[in-house]
Amino acid sequence: MEKLALEAGIPEDVIQVITPDTASTPGVGTEICSNSIIKQVSFTGSTAVGKKLTQQCSATMKRVSMELGGNAPFIVFADADIDQAVEAAMGSKFRNAGQTCVCADRFLVHESVFSEFVDRFATRTASLVVGPGMDKSTDVGPLIAAEACSRVAEKVQEALENGASALVGGTRAEHLGPNFFQPTILTNVSMSSRIWSEETFGPVAAVCSFSDDEEAMRIANDSPVGLAAYFCTESLTRAFEVSRRLECGLVGVNEGVISSSSAPFGGVKESGMGREGSPIGISEYLETKYVFMNV
């Protein structure tokens, strides 16, 4: 990163990269948060760590930008174009093996189109090729670590034991190594299960049905976090109304991959504060000063 910054013309020493080991990382973080020379801290990571850093920064009243965890809902309304909805779902759920903070985790499908959507979604998911990331034929690569794969496996197994059904996948791809998990679709998922109520960070889609718009909104917003949300509809009226009511910082309508450097990125509730990207993101690092001059 530092090398690329220099090549792009950023002056030397403006960007400096520190690479501490695991043991020394907490000390480095404490120094950055408590040192009065530093005026702004931006962090991307878990909500738990973000809360701790924000607390440490409060001692010197630092400005903070926190891009924290999510648990994005993906709503398929009765009037959705199902082909378009499946395409959006595939992009939102399985890119980077489900390891982005804006990946869809909780799929809500209207009961009138539930079977049609789930059947098509399952067919597409079953066709995904799992393998090494450098292999050009691979659609879904490994998780970041074996421990991450174990956490996903535990949540899936818990859901299955509590009555969920795996239409596709449901297990690790152990023949590929300890970091691989099969792309998975779960139905009949309990909303109290961890696979529904917590961010998954893996290639697992938990699917439930709803009967009307009010129920969909209640379930979608029933989360302590609010980073991204997605929904599919052919009604422009519904598109504006649902976008307004969703408690999140980013909304994708009939699209599953929505991030752009030209658009503000960030969440609400326990997904953080502040924005990255766009002029709004730059303003996070600026102070407003008012001067009244009588000449």
Protein backbone atom coordinates (compact mmCIF):
# COMPACT_ATOMS: atom_id res chain seq x y z
CA MET A 1 0.00 0.00 0.00
CA GLU A 2 2.76 2.43 0.92
CA LYS A 3 4.65 1.66 -2.30
CA LEU A 4 1.54 2.22 -4.43
CA ALA A 5 0.83 5.50 -2.63
CA LEU A 6 4.31 6.77 -3.52
CA GLU A 7 3.85 5.69 -7.13
CA ALA A 8 0.54 7.59 -7.22
CA GLY A 9 2.31 10.81 -6.20
CA ILE A 10 1.47 11.01 -2.49
CA PRO A 11 4.41 12.68 -0.68
CA GLU A 12 6.80 10.47 1.24
CA ASP A 13 5.88 9.78 4.89
CA VAL A 14 2.28 10.93 4.45
CA ILE A 15 1.22 7.27 4.48
CA GLN A 16 3.07 4.95 6.83
CA VAL A 17 2.25 1.27 7.31
CA ILE A 18 2.71 -0.45 10.66
CA THR A 19 2.62 -4.26 10.68
CA PRO A 20 2.57 -5.48 14.30
CA ASP A 21 2.29 -9.14 15.20
CA THR A 22 -0.76 -10.48 17.03
CA ALA A 23 0.74 -10.03 20.48
CA SER A 24 1.65 -6.37 20.00
CA THR A 25 -1.46 -5.28 18.06
CA PRO A 26 -3.48 -4.22 21.17
CA GLY A 27 -0.61 -2.00 22.35
CA VAL A 28 -0.30 -0.36 18.93
CA GLY A 29 -4.04 0.25 18.87
CA THR A 30 -3.99 1.80 22.34
CA GLU A 31 -1.16 4.15 21.35
CA ILE A 32 -2.97 5.29 18.21
CA CYS A 33 -6.20 5.89 20.12
CA SER A 34 -4.67 7.64 23.13
CA ASN A 35 -1.92 9.73 21.53
CA SER A 36 -3.06 13.36 21.26
CA ILE A 37 -1.00 13.92 18.09
CA ILE A 38 -3.43 11.72 16.17
CA LYS A 39 -6.67 13.59 15.44
CA GLN A 40 -8.76 10.97 13.61
CA VAL A 41 -9.07 7.18 13.74
CA SER A 42 -10.76 5.17 11.00
CA PHE A 43 -11.38 1.49 11.61
CA THR A 44 -12.88 -1.38 9.62
CA GLY A 45 -13.61 -4.52 11.60
CA SER A 46 -15.87 -6.09 14.18
CA THR A 47 -18.42 -4.18 16.23
CA ALA A 48 -16.83 -5.40 19.48
CA VAL A 49 -13.40 -4.03 18.59
CA GLY A 50 -14.92 -0.83 17.17
CA LYS A 51 -16.65 -0.13 20.46
CA LYS A 52 -13.40 -0.61 22.36
CA LEU A 53 -11.44 1.70 20.04
CA THR A 54 -14.16 4.36 20.22
CA GLN A 55 -14.01 4.23 24.00
CA GLN A 56 -10.23 4.64 23.94
CA CYS A 57 -10.46 7.55 21.50
CA SER A 58 -12.90 9.38 23.76
CA ALA A 59 -10.12 10.24 26.22
CA THR A 60 -8.68 12.73 23.70
CA MET A 61 -12.00 13.48 21.94
CA LYS A 62 -10.72 12.10 18.64
CA ARG A 63 -12.97 11.98 15.65
CA VAL A 64 -13.69 8.40 14.63
CA SER A 65 -15.00 6.66 11.53
CA MET A 66 -16.19 3.15 12.30
CA GLU A 67 -17.12 0.69 9.55
CA LEU A 68 -18.22 -2.31 11.60
CA GLY A 69 -20.19 -5.53 11.26
CA GLY A 70 -23.38 -6.17 9.34
CA ASN A 71 -26.06 -8.82 8.88
CA ALA A 72 -27.67 -7.74 5.66
CA PRO A 73 -31.25 -8.70 4.78
CA PHE A 74 -32.16 -9.56 1.19
CA ILE A 75 -35.90 -9.22 0.52
CA VAL A 76 -37.67 -10.71 -2.50
CA PHE A 77 -41.13 -9.17 -2.86
CA ALA A 78 -44.02 -10.86 -4.66
CA ASP A 79 -43.65 -8.64 -7.73
CA ALA A 80 -39.91 -9.20 -8.15
CA ASP A 81 -38.36 -10.38 -11.40
CA ILE A 82 -37.19 -13.77 -10.10
CA ASP A 83 -34.36 -14.15 -12.60
CA GLN A 84 -33.06 -10.73 -11.64
CA ALA A 85 -33.50 -11.51 -7.93
CA VAL A 86 -31.51 -14.74 -8.19
CA GLU A 87 -28.72 -12.97 -10.06
CA ALA A 88 -28.58 -10.25 -7.41
CA ALA A 89 -28.64 -12.83 -4.62
CA MET A 90 -25.72 -14.77 -6.10
CA GLY A 91 -23.58 -11.65 -6.33
CA SER A 92 -24.47 -10.38 -2.88
CA LYS A 93 -24.09 -13.70 -1.06
CA PHE A 94 -21.21 -15.59 -2.64
CA ARG A 95 -18.63 -13.04 -3.76
CA ASN A 96 -15.40 -13.53 -1.84
CA ALA A 97 -16.98 -16.67 -0.33
CA GLY A 98 -19.42 -14.49 1.60
CA GLN A 99 -16.60 -12.67 3.39
CA THR A 100 -17.56 -9.03 3.01
CA CYS A 101 -19.35 -6.91 5.59
CA VAL A 102 -22.10 -6.11 3.07
CA CYS A 103 -22.80 -9.69 1.97
CA ALA A 104 -26.45 -10.70 2.30
CA ASP A 105 -27.04 -13.15 5.16
CA ARG A 106 -30.78 -13.11 5.89
CA PHE A 107 -32.98 -13.89 2.87
CA LEU A 108 -36.66 -12.96 3.17
CA VAL A 109 -38.87 -14.21 0.34
CA HIS A 110 -42.58 -13.55 -0.11
CA GLU A 111 -44.55 -16.74 0.38
CA SER A 112 -46.13 -16.51 -3.08
CA VAL A 113 -42.75 -16.74 -4.84
CA PHE A 114 -40.83 -18.64 -2.16
CA SER A 115 -40.63 -22.00 -3.93
CA GLU A 116 -39.79 -20.50 -7.31
CA PHE A 117 -37.03 -18.28 -5.95
CA VAL A 118 -35.52 -20.92 -3.67
CA ASP A 119 -35.50 -23.58 -6.40
CA ARG A 120 -33.69 -21.30 -8.84
CA PHE A 121 -31.34 -19.99 -6.15
CA ALA A 122 -30.48 -23.55 -5.11
CA THR A 123 -29.84 -24.63 -8.69
CA ARG A 124 -27.44 -21.74 -9.27
CA THR A 125 -25.73 -22.31 -5.92
CA ALA A 126 -25.22 -26.01 -6.58
CA SER A 127 -23.41 -25.15 -9.82
CA LEU A 128 -20.74 -23.06 -8.07
CA VAL A 129 -17.22 -24.46 -8.24
CA VAL A 130 -15.34 -24.44 -4.93
CA GLY A 131 -11.57 -24.39 -5.12
CA PRO A 132 -8.31 -22.45 -4.77
CA GLY A 133 -8.65 -18.76 -5.43
CA MET A 134 -5.90 -18.71 -8.05
CA ASP A 135 -7.71 -21.34 -10.15
CA LYS A 136 -9.59 -19.59 -12.96
CA SER A 137 -12.43 -22.12 -12.80
CA THR A 138 -13.11 -21.37 -9.13
CA ASP A 139 -16.29 -19.51 -8.18
CA VAL A 140 -15.98 -19.77 -4.37
CA GLY A 141 -12.59 -19.80 -2.69
CA PRO A 142 -11.46 -20.50 0.88
CA LEU A 143 -12.35 -18.71 4.07
CA ILE A 144 -9.68 -16.57 5.70
CA ALA A 145 -8.67 -19.22 8.26
CA ALA A 146 -9.56 -22.69 9.48
CA GLU A 147 -11.01 -21.12 12.64
CA ALA A 148 -13.39 -19.02 10.52
CA CYS A 149 -14.51 -22.13 8.68
CA SER A 150 -15.11 -23.89 11.99
CA ARG A 151 -17.30 -21.01 13.21
CA VAL A 152 -19.44 -21.21 10.07
CA ALA A 153 -19.70 -25.01 10.40
CA GLU A 154 -20.80 -24.70 14.04
CA LYS A 155 -23.56 -22.22 13.20
CA VAL A 156 -24.83 -24.35 10.31
CA GLN A 157 -24.83 -27.51 12.41
CA GLU A 158 -26.66 -25.69 15.20
CA ALA A 159 -29.32 -24.53 12.73
CA LEU A 160 -29.74 -28.03 11.30
CA GLU A 161 -30.14 -29.51 14.78
CA ASN A 162 -32.86 -26.93 15.46
CA GLY A 163 -34.93 -27.91 12.42
CA ALA A 164 -33.37 -26.11 9.45
CA SER A 165 -32.94 -27.94 6.12
CA ALA A 166 -29.90 -27.72 3.86
CA LEU A 167 -31.09 -27.57 0.25
CA VAL A 168 -27.50 -27.21 -0.93
CA GLY A 169 -24.21 -27.79 0.88
CA GLY A 170 -24.22 -27.67 4.66
CA THR A 171 -20.77 -29.08 5.28
CA ARG A 172 -17.10 -28.26 4.94
CA ALA A 173 -15.31 -29.14 1.71
CA GLU A 174 -12.67 -31.07 3.62
CA HIS A 175 -11.16 -32.65 0.51
CA LEU A 176 -9.93 -29.17 -0.45
CA GLY A 177 -8.46 -28.28 2.96
CA PRO A 178 -9.48 -26.89 6.36
CA ASN A 179 -10.50 -23.45 5.05
CA PHE A 180 -13.19 -24.48 2.56
CA PHE A 181 -16.95 -24.58 3.12
CA GLN A 182 -19.56 -25.65 0.60
CA PRO A 183 -21.92 -22.92 -0.67
CA THR A 184 -25.02 -23.53 1.42
CA ILE A 185 -28.72 -22.68 1.39
CA LEU A 186 -30.70 -23.26 4.57
CA THR A 187 -34.50 -23.09 4.82
CA ASN A 188 -36.83 -23.40 7.83
CA VAL A 189 -34.29 -21.38 9.79
CA SER A 190 -35.17 -20.25 13.30
CA MET A 191 -34.78 -16.50 13.64
CA SER A 192 -33.31 -17.04 17.08
CA SER A 193 -30.46 -19.15 15.68
CA ARG A 194 -26.98 -17.69 15.35
CA ILE A 195 -26.92 -18.31 11.60
CA TRP A 196 -29.81 -15.81 11.34
CA SER A 197 -29.12 -13.36 14.14
CA GLU A 198 -25.34 -12.98 13.68
CA GLU A 199 -23.14 -12.00 10.76
CA THR A 200 -22.05 -15.19 9.01
CA PHE A 201 -18.96 -14.16 7.00
CA GLY A 202 -19.16 -17.31 4.95
CA PRO A 203 -20.98 -18.82 1.94
CA VAL A 204 -24.26 -19.59 3.75
CA ALA A 205 -27.69 -18.19 2.89
CA ALA A 206 -30.41 -18.51 5.53
CA VAL A 207 -33.87 -18.25 3.93
CA CYS A 208 -37.27 -17.54 5.49
CA SER A 209 -40.64 -16.48 4.07
CA PHE A 210 -42.92 -13.52 4.84
CA SER A 211 -46.55 -12.76 4.09
CA ASP A 212 -46.72 -8.96 3.70
CA ASP A 213 -44.57 -5.84 3.51
CA GLU A 214 -45.01 -4.96 7.18
CA GLU A 215 -43.72 -8.36 8.28
CA ALA A 216 -40.75 -8.07 5.92
CA MET A 217 -39.81 -4.65 7.29
CA ARG A 218 -40.16 -5.80 10.89
CA ILE A 219 -37.89 -8.80 10.35
CA ALA A 220 -35.35 -6.92 8.23
CA ASN A 221 -34.96 -4.18 10.84
CA ASP A 222 -34.90 -6.60 13.79
CA SER A 223 -31.13 -6.42 14.21
CA PRO A 224 -28.72 -4.37 16.32
CA VAL A 225 -26.68 -3.64 13.18
CA GLY A 226 -27.55 -1.80 9.99
CA LEU A 227 -24.90 -1.70 7.30
CA ALA A 228 -26.39 -2.91 3.99
CA ALA A 229 -29.77 -4.20 2.82
CA TYR A 230 -31.08 -5.45 -0.50
CA PHE A 231 -34.51 -5.99 -1.99
CA CYS A 232 -36.08 -6.84 -5.32
CA THR A 233 -39.32 -5.36 -6.66
CA GLU A 234 -40.74 -4.02 -9.92
CA SER A 235 -42.71 -1.31 -8.10
CA LEU A 236 -41.09 2.10 -8.06
CA THR A 237 -43.40 3.17 -5.24
CA ARG A 238 -42.31 0.22 -3.10
CA ALA A 239 -38.66 0.86 -4.01
CA PHE A 240 -38.76 4.36 -2.52
CA GLU A 241 -40.86 3.38 0.49
CA VAL A 242 -38.79 0.33 1.48
CA SER A 243 -35.52 2.20 0.91
CA ARG A 244 -36.74 4.89 3.30
CA ARG A 245 -37.83 2.45 5.99
CA LEU A 246 -34.83 0.12 6.01
CA GLU A 247 -32.56 0.88 8.97
CA CYS A 248 -29.19 0.72 7.23
CA GLY A 249 -26.59 2.87 5.52
CA LEU A 250 -26.59 1.25 2.06
CA VAL A 251 -29.48 -0.12 0.00
CA GLY A 252 -29.39 -2.17 -3.18
CA VAL A 253 -32.60 -2.27 -5.24
CA ASN A 254 -32.67 -5.14 -7.76
CA GLU A 255 -28.88 -5.36 -7.44
CA GLY A 256 -26.57 -7.32 -5.17
CA VAL A 257 -23.21 -5.60 -5.72
CA ILE A 258 -23.56 -1.92 -4.91
CA SER A 259 -20.29 -0.60 -3.45
CA SER A 260 -18.54 2.22 -5.31
CA SER A 261 -15.68 4.52 -4.39
CA SER A 262 -17.79 7.44 -5.62
CA ALA A 263 -20.59 6.71 -3.15
CA PRO A 264 -20.63 7.09 0.66
CA PHE A 265 -20.12 3.79 2.48
CA GLY A 266 -21.09 3.17 6.09
CA GLY A 267 -23.80 2.00 8.44
CA VAL A 268 -26.15 2.92 11.27
CA LYS A 269 -26.88 1.44 14.70
CA GLU A 270 -24.02 -0.85 15.80
CA SER A 271 -22.60 -1.01 12.27
CA GLY A 272 -20.67 2.13 13.08
CA MET A 273 -20.54 5.84 12.39
CA GLY A 274 -19.19 8.06 9.67
CA ARG A 275 -18.76 7.33 5.99
CA GLU A 276 -15.98 6.25 3.64
CA GLY A 277 -15.74 7.16 -0.04
CA SER A 278 -17.11 10.11 -1.99
CA PRO A 279 -16.77 13.76 -0.87
CA ILE A 280 -18.74 12.80 2.25
CA GLY A 281 -15.96 10.40 3.20
CA ILE A 282 -13.33 13.11 2.75
CA SER A 283 -15.33 15.45 4.99
CA GLU A 284 -14.82 13.01 7.88
CA TYR A 285 -11.19 14.22 7.98
CA LEU A 286 -11.93 17.95 7.77
CA GLU A 287 -12.84 20.49 10.45
CA THR A 288 -15.29 23.31 9.85
CA LYS A 289 -14.13 26.73 11.04
CA TYR A 290 -16.27 29.85 11.17
CA VAL A 291 -14.53 33.23 10.98
CA PHE A 292 -16.32 36.56 11.51
CA MET A 293 -14.05 39.39 10.39
CA ASN A 294 -14.94 43.03 10.91
CA VAL A 295 -12.64 45.12 8.69
